[in-house]
Amino acid sequence: MKYQQLTAIIEKEGDGYVSLCPELDIASQGDTIEEARNNLKEALELFFETASSQEIETRLHNEIYITRLEVAVG
């Protein structure tokens, strides 16, 4: 079995959490951080099981940079 390292961004939203994989633009959610993470992992595994190699190649962004910015407000 082949493994792929991907990014998970998890954000509090309302009473739960939203998880996003920016490399494939796939998202999920959960009531806890761990549930949101696990649901995203499941969504990604289902994507790789069902998507054609062409779709994977088209959607997969290999270079993702996550950083924080300081901006002037007001």
C-alpha atoms as a PDB file:
ATOM      1  CA  MET A   1       0.000   0.000   0.000  1.00  0.00           C
ATOM      2  CA  LYS A   2       1.277   3.457  -0.941  1.00  0.00           C
ATOM      3  CA  TYR A   3       0.928   6.438   1.416  1.00  0.00           C
ATOM      4  CA  GLN A   4       0.690  10.127   0.590  1.00  0.00           C
ATOM      5  CA  GLN A   5       1.529  12.937   3.043  1.00  0.00           C
ATOM      6  CA  LEU A   6      -1.188  15.609   2.903  1.00  0.00           C
ATOM      7  CA  THR A   7      -2.046  18.725   4.887  1.00  0.00           C
ATOM      8  CA  ALA A   8      -5.047  18.994   7.205  1.00  0.00           C
ATOM      9  CA  ILE A   9      -6.236  22.429   8.291  1.00  0.00           C
ATOM     10  CA  ILE A  10      -8.772  22.214  11.103  1.00  0.00           C
ATOM     11  CA  GLU A  11     -10.785  25.230  12.179  1.00  0.00           C
ATOM     12  CA  LYS A  12     -13.408  25.762  14.861  1.00  0.00           C
ATOM     13  CA  GLU A  13     -16.750  26.649  13.309  1.00  0.00           C
ATOM     14  CA  GLY A  14     -19.800  27.082  15.512  1.00  0.00           C
ATOM     15  CA  ASP A  15     -20.145  24.071  17.807  1.00  0.00           C
ATOM     16  CA  GLY A  16     -17.889  21.850  15.689  1.00  0.00           C
ATOM     17  CA  TYR A  17     -14.787  21.757  13.530  1.00  0.00           C
ATOM     18  CA  VAL A  18     -14.201  21.926   9.782  1.00  0.00           C
ATOM     19  CA  SER A  19     -11.210  20.146   8.265  1.00  0.00           C
ATOM     20  CA  LEU A  20      -9.698  20.922   4.863  1.00  0.00           C
ATOM     21  CA  CYS A  21      -7.031  19.306   2.730  1.00  0.00           C
ATOM     22  CA  PRO A  22      -5.765  22.170   0.523  1.00  0.00           C
ATOM     23  CA  GLU A  23      -3.787  19.863  -1.786  1.00  0.00           C
ATOM     24  CA  LEU A  24      -7.033  18.357  -3.096  1.00  0.00           C
ATOM     25  CA  ASP A  25      -9.617  20.909  -1.920  1.00  0.00           C
ATOM     26  CA  ILE A  26     -11.500  18.233   0.012  1.00  0.00           C
ATOM     27  CA  ALA A  27     -13.236  19.115   3.270  1.00  0.00           C
ATOM     28  CA  SER A  28     -15.084  17.393   6.080  1.00  0.00           C
ATOM     29  CA  GLN A  29     -16.301  18.176   9.576  1.00  0.00           C
ATOM     30  CA  GLY A  30     -16.787  16.761  13.042  1.00  0.00           C
ATOM     31  CA  ASP A  31     -17.859  17.576  16.571  1.00  0.00           C
ATOM     32  CA  THR A  32     -14.264  17.396  17.846  1.00  0.00           C
ATOM     33  CA  ILE A  33     -10.846  18.063  16.342  1.00  0.00           C
ATOM     34  CA  GLU A  34     -10.109  14.338  16.255  1.00  0.00           C
ATOM     35  CA  GLU A  35     -13.445  13.526  14.612  1.00  0.00           C
ATOM     36  CA  ALA A  36     -12.925  16.237  11.981  1.00  0.00           C
ATOM     37  CA  ARG A  37      -9.429  14.872  11.311  1.00  0.00           C
ATOM     38  CA  ASN A  38     -10.645  11.278  11.046  1.00  0.00           C
ATOM     39  CA  ASN A  39     -13.573  12.262   8.803  1.00  0.00           C
ATOM     40  CA  LEU A  40     -11.192  14.136   6.491  1.00  0.00           C
ATOM     41  CA  LYS A  41      -8.878  11.146   6.365  1.00  0.00           C
ATOM     42  CA  GLU A  42     -11.831   8.919   5.430  1.00  0.00           C
ATOM     43  CA  ALA A  43     -12.984  11.380   2.743  1.00  0.00           C
ATOM     44  CA  LEU A  44      -9.481  11.477   1.262  1.00  0.00           C
ATOM     45  CA  GLU A  45      -9.168   7.684   1.257  1.00  0.00           C
ATOM     46  CA  LEU A  46     -12.551   7.393  -0.488  1.00  0.00           C
ATOM     47  CA  PHE A  47     -11.432   9.969  -3.054  1.00  0.00           C
ATOM     48  CA  PHE A  48      -8.252   8.006  -3.830  1.00  0.00           C
ATOM     49  CA  GLU A  49     -10.257   4.747  -4.060  1.00  0.00           C
ATOM     50  CA  THR A  50     -12.762   6.136  -6.557  1.00  0.00           C
ATOM     51  CA  ALA A  51     -10.985   8.876  -8.538  1.00  0.00           C
ATOM     52  CA  SER A  52      -9.255   8.156 -11.803  1.00  0.00           C
ATOM     53  CA  SER A  53      -5.526   8.812 -12.044  1.00  0.00           C
ATOM     54  CA  GLN A  54      -6.373  11.702 -14.398  1.00  0.00           C
ATOM     55  CA  GLU A  55      -8.634  13.330 -11.782  1.00  0.00           C
ATOM     56  CA  ILE A  56      -6.035  12.871  -9.052  1.00  0.00           C
ATOM     57  CA  GLU A  57      -3.344  14.427 -11.236  1.00  0.00           C
ATOM     58  CA  THR A  58      -5.609  17.344 -12.175  1.00  0.00           C
ATOM     59  CA  ARG A  59      -6.688  18.133  -8.596  1.00  0.00           C
ATOM     60  CA  LEU A  60      -3.487  17.431  -6.656  1.00  0.00           C
ATOM     61  CA  HIS A  61      -1.464  20.551  -5.835  1.00  0.00           C
ATOM     62  CA  ASN A  62       2.016  19.377  -4.875  1.00  0.00           C
ATOM     63  CA  GLU A  63       3.281  22.680  -3.502  1.00  0.00           C
ATOM     64  CA  ILE A  64       1.204  24.068  -0.648  1.00  0.00           C
ATOM     65  CA  TYR A  65       2.614  26.727   1.646  1.00  0.00           C
ATOM     66  CA  ILE A  66       0.886  27.635   4.889  1.00  0.00           C
ATOM     67  CA  THR A  67       2.069  30.740   6.687  1.00  0.00           C
ATOM     68  CA  ARG A  68       0.737  33.473   8.902  1.00  0.00           C
ATOM     69  CA  LEU A  69       0.610  37.095   7.797  1.00  0.00           C
ATOM     70  CA  GLU A  70       0.407  40.292   9.800  1.00  0.00           C
ATOM     71  CA  VAL A  71      -1.828  42.869   8.153  1.00  0.00           C
ATOM     72  CA  ALA A  72      -2.954  46.351   9.124  1.00  0.00           C
ATOM     73  CA  VAL A  73      -6.597  46.470  10.182  1.00  0.00           C
ATOM     74  CA  GLY A  74      -8.585  49.717  10.310  1.00  0.00           C
END
